[in-house]
């Protein structure tokens, strides 16, 4: 189930990945503070990082933001402004979520 798709901007690398206003938040349920999301990271070609990454999701100014773990993914996958990410709920082994990345290069 898709939670959101977003074209990345420079702010997403500086302040964390803020979920777009029209995100499907049902899979994340309502929470207080921070939750950890075990996430599989996959390229558009289907190549995956070897291990799931734990992303910390928290609230900031009324919006959900992906922070710790997100910065590692952005660095390891070589994400840049203009690339697109799609975040899904997907039960797969120990991970409950999948982040699919599409680079514009």
N, C-alpha and C. Protein backbone atom coordinates (compact mmCIF):
# COMPACT_ATOMS: atom_id res chain seq x y z
N UNK A 1 0.85 -1.16 0.00
CA UNK A 1 0.00 0.00 0.00
C UNK A 1 0.90 1.24 0.00
N UNK A 2 0.71 2.11 -0.99
CA UNK A 2 1.53 3.31 -1.07
C UNK A 2 1.15 4.32 0.01
N UNK A 3 2.15 4.85 0.68
CA UNK A 3 1.95 5.87 1.69
C UNK A 3 2.16 7.25 1.07
N UNK A 4 3.24 7.42 0.29
CA UNK A 4 3.46 8.68 -0.41
C UNK A 4 4.49 8.52 -1.51
N UNK A 5 4.46 9.45 -2.47
CA UNK A 5 5.50 9.63 -3.47
C UNK A 5 5.90 11.09 -3.41
N UNK A 6 7.21 11.34 -3.49
CA UNK A 6 7.68 12.72 -3.40
C UNK A 6 8.92 12.93 -4.26
N UNK A 7 8.92 14.03 -5.00
CA UNK A 7 10.13 14.46 -5.70
C UNK A 7 10.95 15.26 -4.69
N UNK A 8 12.21 14.89 -4.54
CA UNK A 8 13.05 15.46 -3.49
C UNK A 8 13.52 16.87 -3.82
N UNK A 9 13.63 17.68 -2.77
CA UNK A 9 14.15 19.04 -2.87
C UNK A 9 15.35 19.15 -1.92
N UNK A 10 16.15 20.21 -2.04
CA UNK A 10 17.29 20.37 -1.12
C UNK A 10 16.89 20.35 0.35
N UNK A 11 15.71 20.83 0.69
CA UNK A 11 15.25 20.86 2.08
C UNK A 11 15.14 19.44 2.65
N UNK A 12 14.78 18.46 1.82
CA UNK A 12 14.64 17.08 2.29
C UNK A 12 15.97 16.49 2.78
N UNK A 13 17.08 17.05 2.34
CA UNK A 13 18.39 16.58 2.76
C UNK A 13 18.92 17.36 3.96
N UNK A 14 18.38 18.56 4.17
CA UNK A 14 18.84 19.40 5.28
C UNK A 14 18.02 19.20 6.55
N UNK A 15 16.69 19.11 6.41
CA UNK A 15 15.80 19.10 7.57
C UNK A 15 15.07 17.78 7.77
N UNK A 16 15.31 16.81 6.92
CA UNK A 16 14.59 15.55 6.98
C UNK A 16 13.52 15.50 5.91
N UNK A 17 13.05 14.32 5.61
CA UNK A 17 12.04 14.12 4.57
C UNK A 17 10.66 14.31 5.18
N UNK A 18 10.04 15.45 4.88
CA UNK A 18 8.70 15.74 5.37
C UNK A 18 7.70 15.04 4.46
N UNK A 19 6.79 14.27 5.07
CA UNK A 19 5.78 13.58 4.27
C UNK A 19 4.84 14.60 3.64
N UNK A 20 4.49 14.40 2.36
CA UNK A 20 3.60 15.33 1.68
C UNK A 20 2.22 15.37 2.34
N UNK A 21 1.48 16.48 2.18
CA UNK A 21 0.17 16.64 2.82
C UNK A 21 -0.84 15.55 2.44
N UNK A 22 -0.75 15.00 1.26
CA UNK A 22 -1.73 14.00 0.81
C UNK A 22 -1.26 12.56 1.05
N UNK A 23 -0.37 12.37 1.99
CA UNK A 23 0.13 11.03 2.32
C UNK A 23 -0.98 10.18 2.92
N UNK A 24 -0.93 8.88 2.65
CA UNK A 24 -1.86 7.93 3.25
C UNK A 24 -1.25 7.50 4.59
N UNK A 25 -1.70 8.10 5.66
CA UNK A 25 -1.09 7.87 6.97
C UNK A 25 -1.70 6.70 7.73
N UNK A 26 -2.70 6.06 7.18
CA UNK A 26 -3.36 4.94 7.86
C UNK A 26 -2.37 3.86 8.30
N UNK A 27 -1.40 3.44 7.45
CA UNK A 27 -0.46 2.40 7.89
C UNK A 27 0.43 2.83 9.05
N UNK A 28 0.64 4.13 9.23
CA UNK A 28 1.50 4.61 10.31
C UNK A 28 0.73 4.79 11.60
N UNK A 29 -0.58 4.83 11.54
CA UNK A 29 -1.44 5.03 12.70
C UNK A 29 -1.03 6.29 13.43
N UNK A 30 -1.81 6.69 14.37
CA UNK A 30 -1.49 7.88 15.15
C UNK A 30 -0.50 7.50 16.24
N UNK A 31 0.50 8.33 16.43
CA UNK A 31 1.50 8.05 17.47
C UNK A 31 1.97 9.37 18.07
N UNK A 32 2.56 9.28 19.21
CA UNK A 32 3.17 10.42 19.89
C UNK A 32 4.68 10.19 19.91
N UNK A 33 5.45 11.23 19.70
CA UNK A 33 6.90 11.11 19.79
C UNK A 33 7.50 10.58 18.51
N UNK A 34 8.26 9.49 18.62
CA UNK A 34 9.01 8.92 17.49
C UNK A 34 8.71 7.44 17.37
N UNK A 35 8.57 6.97 16.12
CA UNK A 35 8.46 5.53 15.89
C UNK A 35 9.59 5.11 14.94
N UNK A 36 9.98 3.83 15.04
CA UNK A 36 11.01 3.28 14.18
C UNK A 36 10.34 2.45 13.09
N UNK A 37 10.76 2.67 11.84
CA UNK A 37 10.18 1.97 10.70
C UNK A 37 11.27 1.15 10.03
N UNK A 38 11.21 -0.18 10.15
CA UNK A 38 12.17 -1.05 9.48
C UNK A 38 11.82 -1.06 7.99
N UNK A 39 12.76 -0.61 7.16
CA UNK A 39 12.46 -0.31 5.76
C UNK A 39 13.46 -0.95 4.81
N UNK A 40 12.94 -1.59 3.78
CA UNK A 40 13.76 -2.11 2.68
C UNK A 40 13.92 -0.98 1.67
N UNK A 41 15.14 -0.76 1.19
CA UNK A 41 15.40 0.29 0.21
C UNK A 41 15.71 -0.36 -1.12
N UNK A 42 14.97 0.06 -2.17
CA UNK A 42 15.06 -0.57 -3.49
C UNK A 42 15.14 0.48 -4.58
N UNK A 43 16.02 0.26 -5.55
CA UNK A 43 16.11 1.17 -6.69
C UNK A 43 14.99 0.86 -7.67
N UNK A 44 14.79 1.74 -8.64
CA UNK A 44 13.77 1.52 -9.67
C UNK A 44 14.05 0.25 -10.46
N UNK A 45 15.33 -0.15 -10.54
CA UNK A 45 15.71 -1.37 -11.25
C UNK A 45 15.52 -2.63 -10.41
N UNK A 46 15.15 -2.46 -9.14
CA UNK A 46 14.90 -3.60 -8.27
C UNK A 46 16.08 -3.99 -7.40
N UNK A 47 17.20 -3.27 -7.48
CA UNK A 47 18.37 -3.55 -6.64
C UNK A 47 18.10 -3.04 -5.24
N UNK A 48 18.39 -3.87 -4.24
CA UNK A 48 18.13 -3.50 -2.84
C UNK A 48 19.41 -3.33 -2.07
N UNK A 49 19.35 -2.45 -1.04
CA UNK A 49 20.45 -2.41 -0.09
C UNK A 49 20.45 -3.75 0.63
N UNK A 50 21.62 -4.23 1.07
CA UNK A 50 21.70 -5.57 1.65
C UNK A 50 20.84 -5.82 2.88
N UNK A 51 20.66 -4.80 3.71
CA UNK A 51 19.89 -4.95 4.95
C UNK A 51 18.82 -3.88 5.05
N UNK A 52 17.70 -4.20 5.71
CA UNK A 52 16.71 -3.14 5.96
C UNK A 52 17.32 -2.03 6.81
N UNK A 53 16.84 -0.81 6.62
CA UNK A 53 17.30 0.36 7.35
C UNK A 53 16.19 0.79 8.30
N UNK A 54 16.55 1.13 9.52
CA UNK A 54 15.56 1.65 10.46
C UNK A 54 15.50 3.17 10.31
N UNK A 55 14.31 3.66 9.95
CA UNK A 55 14.08 5.09 9.79
C UNK A 55 13.27 5.57 10.98
N UNK A 56 13.68 6.67 11.57
CA UNK A 56 12.93 7.27 12.67
C UNK A 56 11.95 8.28 12.09
N UNK A 57 10.69 8.13 12.43
CA UNK A 57 9.64 9.03 11.99
C UNK A 57 9.12 9.77 13.21
N UNK A 58 9.07 11.10 13.12
CA UNK A 58 8.59 11.90 14.25
C UNK A 58 7.72 13.03 13.72
N UNK A 59 7.06 13.71 14.65
CA UNK A 59 6.23 14.84 14.26
C UNK A 59 7.02 16.13 14.46
N UNK A 60 6.84 17.05 13.51
CA UNK A 60 7.50 18.35 13.59
C UNK A 60 6.56 19.38 13.00
N UNK A 61 6.13 20.33 13.81
CA UNK A 61 5.20 21.37 13.37
C UNK A 61 3.93 20.78 12.74
N UNK A 62 3.46 19.67 13.30
CA UNK A 62 2.23 19.05 12.82
C UNK A 62 2.41 18.14 11.62
N UNK A 63 3.62 17.99 11.11
CA UNK A 63 3.89 17.12 9.96
C UNK A 63 4.75 15.94 10.40
N UNK A 64 4.65 14.83 9.67
CA UNK A 64 5.52 13.69 9.93
C UNK A 64 6.81 13.87 9.14
N UNK A 65 7.94 13.58 9.79
CA UNK A 65 9.25 13.78 9.19
C UNK A 65 10.08 12.52 9.38
N UNK A 66 10.74 12.05 8.31
CA UNK A 66 11.70 10.96 8.39
C UNK A 66 13.07 11.58 8.62
N UNK A 67 13.74 11.18 9.69
CA UNK A 67 15.03 11.77 10.03
C UNK A 67 16.12 10.72 10.07
N UNK A 68 16.45 10.24 11.28
CA UNK A 68 17.55 9.28 11.42
C UNK A 68 17.26 8.08 10.54
N UNK A 69 18.24 7.64 9.83
CA UNK A 69 18.08 6.55 8.86
C UNK A 69 17.84 7.10 7.46
N UNK A 70 17.02 8.15 7.36
CA UNK A 70 16.76 8.78 6.06
C UNK A 70 18.06 9.37 5.49
N UNK A 71 18.84 10.04 6.34
CA UNK A 71 20.08 10.65 5.88
C UNK A 71 21.06 9.58 5.38
N UNK A 72 21.11 8.43 6.06
CA UNK A 72 21.97 7.32 5.64
C UNK A 72 21.54 6.80 4.27
N UNK A 73 20.24 6.64 4.09
CA UNK A 73 19.72 6.16 2.80
C UNK A 73 20.09 7.14 1.70
N UNK A 74 19.83 8.42 1.93
CA UNK A 74 20.12 9.43 0.91
C UNK A 74 21.59 9.38 0.50
N UNK A 75 22.48 9.23 1.48
CA UNK A 75 23.92 9.16 1.20
C UNK A 75 24.28 7.86 0.48
N UNK A 76 23.82 6.72 1.02
CA UNK A 76 24.22 5.42 0.47
C UNK A 76 23.69 5.19 -0.94
N UNK A 77 22.51 5.70 -1.24
CA UNK A 77 21.90 5.49 -2.55
C UNK A 77 22.31 6.61 -3.52
N UNK A 78 22.88 7.69 -2.99
CA UNK A 78 23.29 8.80 -3.83
C UNK A 78 22.14 9.65 -4.31
N UNK A 79 21.13 9.84 -3.44
CA UNK A 79 19.97 10.64 -3.82
C UNK A 79 20.34 12.11 -3.95
N UNK A 80 19.66 12.78 -4.89
CA UNK A 80 19.87 14.21 -5.11
C UNK A 80 18.54 14.89 -5.31
N UNK A 81 18.54 16.20 -5.24
CA UNK A 81 17.35 16.98 -5.52
C UNK A 81 16.83 16.63 -6.91
N UNK A 82 15.53 16.41 -7.02
CA UNK A 82 14.91 16.01 -8.29
C UNK A 82 14.62 14.53 -8.37
N UNK A 83 15.33 13.70 -7.59
CA UNK A 83 15.03 12.27 -7.54
C UNK A 83 13.67 12.07 -6.89
N UNK A 84 13.08 10.91 -7.11
CA UNK A 84 11.75 10.62 -6.57
C UNK A 84 11.83 9.40 -5.65
N UNK A 85 11.12 9.48 -4.52
CA UNK A 85 11.02 8.34 -3.62
C UNK A 85 9.54 8.00 -3.43
N UNK A 86 9.26 6.71 -3.33
CA UNK A 86 7.92 6.23 -3.03
C UNK A 86 8.03 5.33 -1.82
N UNK A 87 7.21 5.59 -0.80
CA UNK A 87 7.25 4.86 0.46
C UNK A 87 5.99 4.00 0.55
N UNK A 88 6.18 2.70 0.77
CA UNK A 88 5.08 1.73 0.81
C UNK A 88 5.05 1.02 2.14
N UNK A 89 3.87 0.55 2.52
CA UNK A 89 3.77 -0.44 3.58
C UNK A 89 3.85 -1.78 2.89
N UNK A 90 4.77 -2.62 3.34
CA UNK A 90 4.96 -3.94 2.74
C UNK A 90 5.57 -4.86 3.77
N UNK A 91 4.86 -5.90 4.14
CA UNK A 91 5.41 -6.85 5.10
C UNK A 91 6.31 -7.81 4.33
N UNK A 92 7.62 -7.78 4.65
CA UNK A 92 8.59 -8.60 3.93
C UNK A 92 9.69 -8.98 4.91
N UNK A 93 9.61 -10.17 5.44
CA UNK A 93 10.59 -10.59 6.44
C UNK A 93 10.47 -9.73 7.68
N UNK A 94 11.58 -9.15 8.13
CA UNK A 94 11.57 -8.31 9.32
C UNK A 94 11.16 -6.87 9.05
N UNK A 95 11.08 -6.49 7.77
CA UNK A 95 10.74 -5.10 7.44
C UNK A 95 9.25 -4.97 7.16
N UNK A 96 8.68 -3.82 7.55
CA UNK A 96 7.26 -3.57 7.31
C UNK A 96 7.04 -2.53 6.21
N UNK A 97 8.13 -1.90 5.75
CA UNK A 97 8.00 -0.82 4.79
C UNK A 97 9.05 -0.96 3.69
N UNK A 98 8.78 -0.30 2.55
CA UNK A 98 9.73 -0.29 1.44
C UNK A 98 9.81 1.12 0.90
N UNK A 99 11.03 1.58 0.62
CA UNK A 99 11.27 2.88 0.01
C UNK A 99 11.88 2.62 -1.36
N UNK A 100 11.16 2.98 -2.41
CA UNK A 100 11.64 2.78 -3.77
C UNK A 100 12.15 4.11 -4.29
N UNK A 101 13.37 4.12 -4.84
CA UNK A 101 13.99 5.36 -5.29
C UNK A 101 14.17 5.36 -6.81
N UNK A 102 13.93 6.52 -7.41
CA UNK A 102 14.17 6.71 -8.84
C UNK A 102 15.07 7.93 -9.01
N UNK A 103 16.26 7.69 -9.57
CA UNK A 103 17.19 8.78 -9.80
C UNK A 103 16.90 9.40 -11.17
N UNK A 104 17.05 10.72 -11.27
CA UNK A 104 16.77 11.42 -12.53
C UNK A 104 17.96 11.47 -13.47
N UNK A 105 19.10 11.04 -13.04
CA UNK A 105 20.29 11.09 -13.90
C UNK A 105 20.19 10.09 -15.02
